[in-house]
C-alpha atoms as a PDB file:
ATOM      1  CA  MET A   1      48.589-272.697  73.941  1.00  0.00           C
ATOM      2  CA  PRO A   2      50.313-272.565  77.355  1.00  0.00           C
ATOM      3  CA  ARG A   3      52.212-275.627  78.513  1.00  0.00           C
ATOM      4  CA  LYS A   4      51.041-277.698  81.446  1.00  0.00           C
ATOM      5  CA  PRO A   5      52.900-277.328  84.765  1.00  0.00           C
ATOM      6  CA  GLU A   6      54.059-280.971  84.469  1.00  0.00           C
ATOM      7  CA  THR A   7      55.645-280.209  81.085  1.00  0.00           C
ATOM      8  CA  ASN A   8      57.349-277.096  82.459  1.00  0.00           C
ATOM      9  CA  PHE A   9      58.651-279.122  85.406  1.00  0.00           C
ATOM     10  CA  THR A  10      60.006-281.895  83.166  1.00  0.00           C
ATOM     11  CA  ASN A  11      61.632-279.375  80.821  1.00  0.00           C
ATOM     12  CA  GLY A  12      63.167-277.678  83.871  1.00  0.00           C
ATOM     13  CA  ILE A  13      64.929-280.939  84.707  1.00  0.00           C
ATOM     14  CA  HIS A  14      65.932-281.675  81.113  1.00  0.00           C
ATOM     15  CA  ARG A  15      67.607-278.261  80.882  1.00  0.00           C
ATOM     16  CA  TYR A  16      70.285-279.608  83.250  1.00  0.00           C
ATOM     17  CA  LEU A  17      70.549-283.089  81.754  1.00  0.00           C
ATOM     18  CA  PRO A  18      73.627-283.705  79.562  1.00  0.00           C
ATOM     19  CA  VAL A  19      73.111-284.890  75.988  1.00  0.00           C
ATOM     20  CA  ALA A  20      74.997-288.090  76.898  1.00  0.00           C
ATOM     21  CA  VAL A  21      71.797-289.273  78.581  1.00  0.00           C
ATOM     22  CA  TYR A  22      69.383-290.178  75.808  1.00  0.00           C
ATOM     23  CA  ARG A  23      65.762-289.335  76.496  1.00  0.00           C
ATOM     24  CA  MET A  24      62.589-290.126  74.610  1.00  0.00           C
ATOM     25  CA  LYS A  25      59.212-288.609  75.399  1.00  0.00           C
ATOM     26  CA  ASN A  26      56.475-291.228  75.217  1.00  0.00           C
ATOM     27  CA  HIS A  27      52.944-290.671  74.073  1.00  0.00           C
ATOM     28  CA  ASN A  28      50.861-293.476  72.664  1.00  0.00           C
ATOM     29  CA  GLU A  29      47.148-292.981  72.132  1.00  0.00           C
ATOM     30  CA  TYR A  30      46.627-296.729  71.737  1.00  0.00           C
ATOM     31  CA  VAL A  31      48.569-298.109  74.696  1.00  0.00           C
ATOM     32  CA  GLY A  32      47.947-296.471  78.054  1.00  0.00           C
ATOM     33  CA  GLY A  33      50.090-296.545  81.142  1.00  0.00           C
ATOM     34  CA  ILE A  34      53.536-296.072  79.589  1.00  0.00           C
ATOM     35  CA  PRO A  35      55.635-293.583  81.616  1.00  0.00           C
ATOM     36  CA  ASP A  36      56.305-290.112  80.256  1.00  0.00           C
ATOM     37  CA  VAL A  37      60.025-290.435  79.496  1.00  0.00           C
ATOM     38  CA  TRP A  38      62.505-293.232  78.801  1.00  0.00           C
ATOM     39  CA  TYR A  39      66.138-292.448  79.636  1.00  0.00           C
ATOM     40  CA  SER A  40      69.157-294.422  78.483  1.00  0.00           C
ATOM     41  CA  GLY A  41      72.800-294.086  79.485  1.00  0.00           C
ATOM     42  CA  ASN A  42      76.024-296.053  79.249  1.00  0.00           C
ATOM     43  CA  HIS A  43      75.047-298.504  81.972  1.00  0.00           C
ATOM     44  CA  ARG A  44      71.296-298.508  82.601  1.00  0.00           C
ATOM     45  CA  ASP A  45      68.020-297.276  81.345  1.00  0.00           C
ATOM     46  CA  LEU A  46      65.144-295.816  83.309  1.00  0.00           C
ATOM     47  CA  TRP A  47      61.442-295.148  82.803  1.00  0.00           C
ATOM     48  CA  VAL A  48      60.023-292.092  84.592  1.00  0.00           C
ATOM     49  CA  GLU A  49      56.428-291.044  85.092  1.00  0.00           C
ATOM     50  CA  TYR A  50      56.200-287.351  85.988  1.00  0.00           C
ATOM     51  CA  LYS A  51      53.449-285.890  88.131  1.00  0.00           C
ATOM     52  CA  TYR A  52      53.079-282.306  89.289  1.00  0.00           C
ATOM     53  CA  ILE A  53      51.134-281.000  92.261  1.00  0.00           C
ATOM     54  CA  PRO A  54      50.325-277.278  92.498  1.00  0.00           C
ATOM     55  CA  ILE A  55      51.424-276.707  96.093  1.00  0.00           C
ATOM     56  CA  SER A  56      54.379-275.095  97.828  1.00  0.00           C
ATOM     57  CA  LYS A  57      54.389-277.327 100.942  1.00  0.00           C
ATOM     58  CA  PRO A  58      52.500-280.602 101.449  1.00  0.00           C
ATOM     59  CA  ARG A  59      50.336-280.907 104.540  1.00  0.00           C
ATOM     60  CA  THR A  60      49.020-284.422 103.877  1.00  0.00           C
ATOM     61  CA  PRO A  61      50.677-287.531 102.430  1.00  0.00           C
ATOM     62  CA  VAL A  62      51.572-287.057  98.770  1.00  0.00           C
ATOM     63  CA  ILE A  63      50.152-289.871  96.653  1.00  0.00           C
ATOM     64  CA  PRO A  64      51.111-289.684  92.965  1.00  0.00           C
ATOM     65  CA  ASP A  65      47.986-289.454  90.822  1.00  0.00           C
ATOM     66  CA  LEU A  66      48.700-292.642  88.859  1.00  0.00           C
ATOM     67  CA  SER A  67      45.991-294.232  86.751  1.00  0.00           C
ATOM     68  CA  LEU A  68      45.297-297.945  87.173  1.00  0.00           C
ATOM     69  CA  LYS A  69      46.987-298.572  83.813  1.00  0.00           C
ATOM     70  CA  GLN A  70      50.088-296.648  84.912  1.00  0.00           C
ATOM     71  CA  LEU A  71      50.259-298.504  88.211  1.00  0.00           C
ATOM     72  CA  HIS A  72      49.842-301.857  86.450  1.00  0.00           C
ATOM     73  CA  TRP A  73      52.555-300.980  83.898  1.00  0.00           C
ATOM     74  CA  ILE A  74      54.965-299.884  86.642  1.00  0.00           C
ATOM     75  CA  LYS A  75      54.330-302.974  88.799  1.00  0.00           C
ATOM     76  CA  SER A  76      54.724-305.299  85.815  1.00  0.00           C
ATOM     77  CA  ARG A  77      57.997-303.721  84.685  1.00  0.00           C
ATOM     78  CA  GLN A  78      59.424-303.641  88.207  1.00  0.00           C
ATOM     79  CA  ALA A  79      58.539-307.339  88.551  1.00  0.00           C
ATOM     80  CA  GLU A  80      60.651-307.922  85.411  1.00  0.00           C
ATOM     81  CA  GLY A  81      63.560-306.110  87.059  1.00  0.00           C
ATOM     82  CA  ARG A  82      63.147-302.867  85.095  1.00  0.00           C
ATOM     83  CA  ASN A  83      63.988-299.458  86.537  1.00  0.00           C
ATOM     84  CA  VAL A  84      60.903-297.292  86.980  1.00  0.00           C
ATOM     85  CA  TRP A  85      60.558-294.094  88.967  1.00  0.00           C
ATOM     86  CA  VAL A  86      57.787-291.623  89.591  1.00  0.00           C
ATOM     87  CA  ILE A  87      59.016-288.080  90.086  1.00  0.00           C
ATOM     88  CA  VAL A  88      56.518-285.817  91.803  1.00  0.00           C
ATOM     89  CA  GLY A  89      57.213-282.175  91.161  1.00  0.00           C
ATOM     90  CA  TYR A  90      55.978-279.126  93.001  1.00  0.00           C
ATOM     91  CA  LYS A  91      57.060-275.513  93.310  1.00  0.00           C
ATOM     92  CA  PRO A  92      60.368-275.993  95.245  1.00  0.00           C
ATOM     93  CA  GLY A  93      61.537-279.094  93.337  1.00  0.00           C
ATOM     94  CA  GLY A  94      60.650-282.754  93.189  1.00  0.00           C
ATOM     95  CA  VAL A  95      60.811-286.131  94.882  1.00  0.00           C
ATOM     96  CA  ILE A  96      61.930-289.415  93.357  1.00  0.00           C
ATOM     97  CA  ILE A  97      59.682-292.333  94.264  1.00  0.00           C
ATOM     98  CA  ASP A  98      60.970-295.750  93.272  1.00  0.00           C
ATOM     99  CA  ASP A  99      59.137-297.857  95.841  1.00  0.00           C
ATOM    100  CA  ILE A 100      55.755-299.242  94.784  1.00  0.00           C
ATOM    101  CA  ASP A 101      54.378-298.879  98.343  1.00  0.00           C
ATOM    102  CA  ASP A 102      55.183-295.149  98.305  1.00  0.00           C
ATOM    103  CA  MET A 103      53.554-294.885  94.874  1.00  0.00           C
ATOM    104  CA  GLU A 104      50.354-296.483  96.182  1.00  0.00           C
ATOM    105  CA  ARG A 105      50.185-295.233  99.772  1.00  0.00           C
ATOM    106  CA  GLY A 106      52.013-291.935  99.424  1.00  0.00           C
ATOM    107  CA  VAL A 107      54.874-290.170 101.150  1.00  0.00           C
ATOM    108  CA  GLY A 108      54.228-288.321 104.402  1.00  0.00           C
ATOM    109  CA  PRO A 109      54.678-284.534 104.368  1.00  0.00           C
ATOM    110  CA  ALA A 110      57.854-284.446 106.496  1.00  0.00           C
ATOM    111  CA  ASN A 111      59.469-287.270 104.513  1.00  0.00           C
ATOM    112  CA  PHE A 112      58.408-285.646 101.230  1.00  0.00           C
ATOM    113  CA  LEU A 113      60.013-282.335 102.224  1.00  0.00           C
ATOM    114  CA  ALA A 114      63.188-284.089 103.399  1.00  0.00           C
ATOM    115  CA  ARG A 115      63.493-285.936 100.063  1.00  0.00           C
ATOM    116  CA  THR A 116      62.899-282.853  97.903  1.00  0.00           C
ATOM    117  CA  LEU A 117      65.590-282.163  95.300  1.00  0.00           C
ATOM    118  CA  THR A 118      65.979-279.146  93.041  1.00  0.00           C
ATOM    119  CA  ARG A 119      65.488-279.591  89.294  1.00  0.00           C
ATOM    120  CA  GLN A 120      69.259-279.523  88.858  1.00  0.00           C
ATOM    121  CA  GLU A 121      69.732-282.180  91.544  1.00  0.00           C
ATOM    122  CA  LEU A 122      67.050-284.331  89.912  1.00  0.00           C
ATOM    123  CA  ALA A 123      68.920-284.099  86.596  1.00  0.00           C
ATOM    124  CA  ARG A 124      72.129-285.165  88.359  1.00  0.00           C
ATOM    125  CA  GLU A 125      70.308-288.160  89.892  1.00  0.00           C
ATOM    126  CA  LEU A 126      68.982-289.184  86.462  1.00  0.00           C
ATOM    127  CA  GLU A 127      72.439-288.815  84.935  1.00  0.00           C
ATOM    128  CA  SER A 128      74.136-290.701  87.740  1.00  0.00           C
ATOM    129  CA  PHE A 129      71.620-293.535  87.602  1.00  0.00           C
ATOM    130  CA  CYS A 130      71.927-294.021  83.843  1.00  0.00           C
ATOM    131  CA  GLN A 131      75.644-293.299  83.387  1.00  0.00           C
ATOM    132  CA  LYS A 132      77.357-294.819  86.420  1.00  0.00           C
ATOM    133  CA  GLU A 133      78.244-298.455  86.771  1.00  0.00           C
ATOM    134  CA  THR A 134      76.283-300.283  89.413  1.00  0.00           C
ATOM    135  CA  PRO A 135      78.288-301.494  92.417  1.00  0.00           C
ATOM    136  CA  GLU A 136      78.919-305.230  92.470  1.00  0.00           C
END
């Protein structure tokens, strides 16, 4: 059975992620809304929900296709001070969305293109976030 584009995108990022960053794929048939992957490093952990859109260049605002359960889970964890991102992938790369307003209202096409990172750059961002000490 062929893999979904979202899985291929996520694996494309993980290929560049060092083993020092622990990652756990989440799938729970009984509890909905939990993000796809939990990452843990020396200094922080991070929950990431991956979405993939089959386009090469957005022409309208990109709104991640989050279910109500996913949105509720993300809002609740962020309110607790947890680190939660949505990474929207597409052909050229992906965009990190950590702001709940952008998750709900979307990111305009020009802003989305300007924020696009390659899979390798996304892996570096994940590593940096989890492994580096936060500034005081």
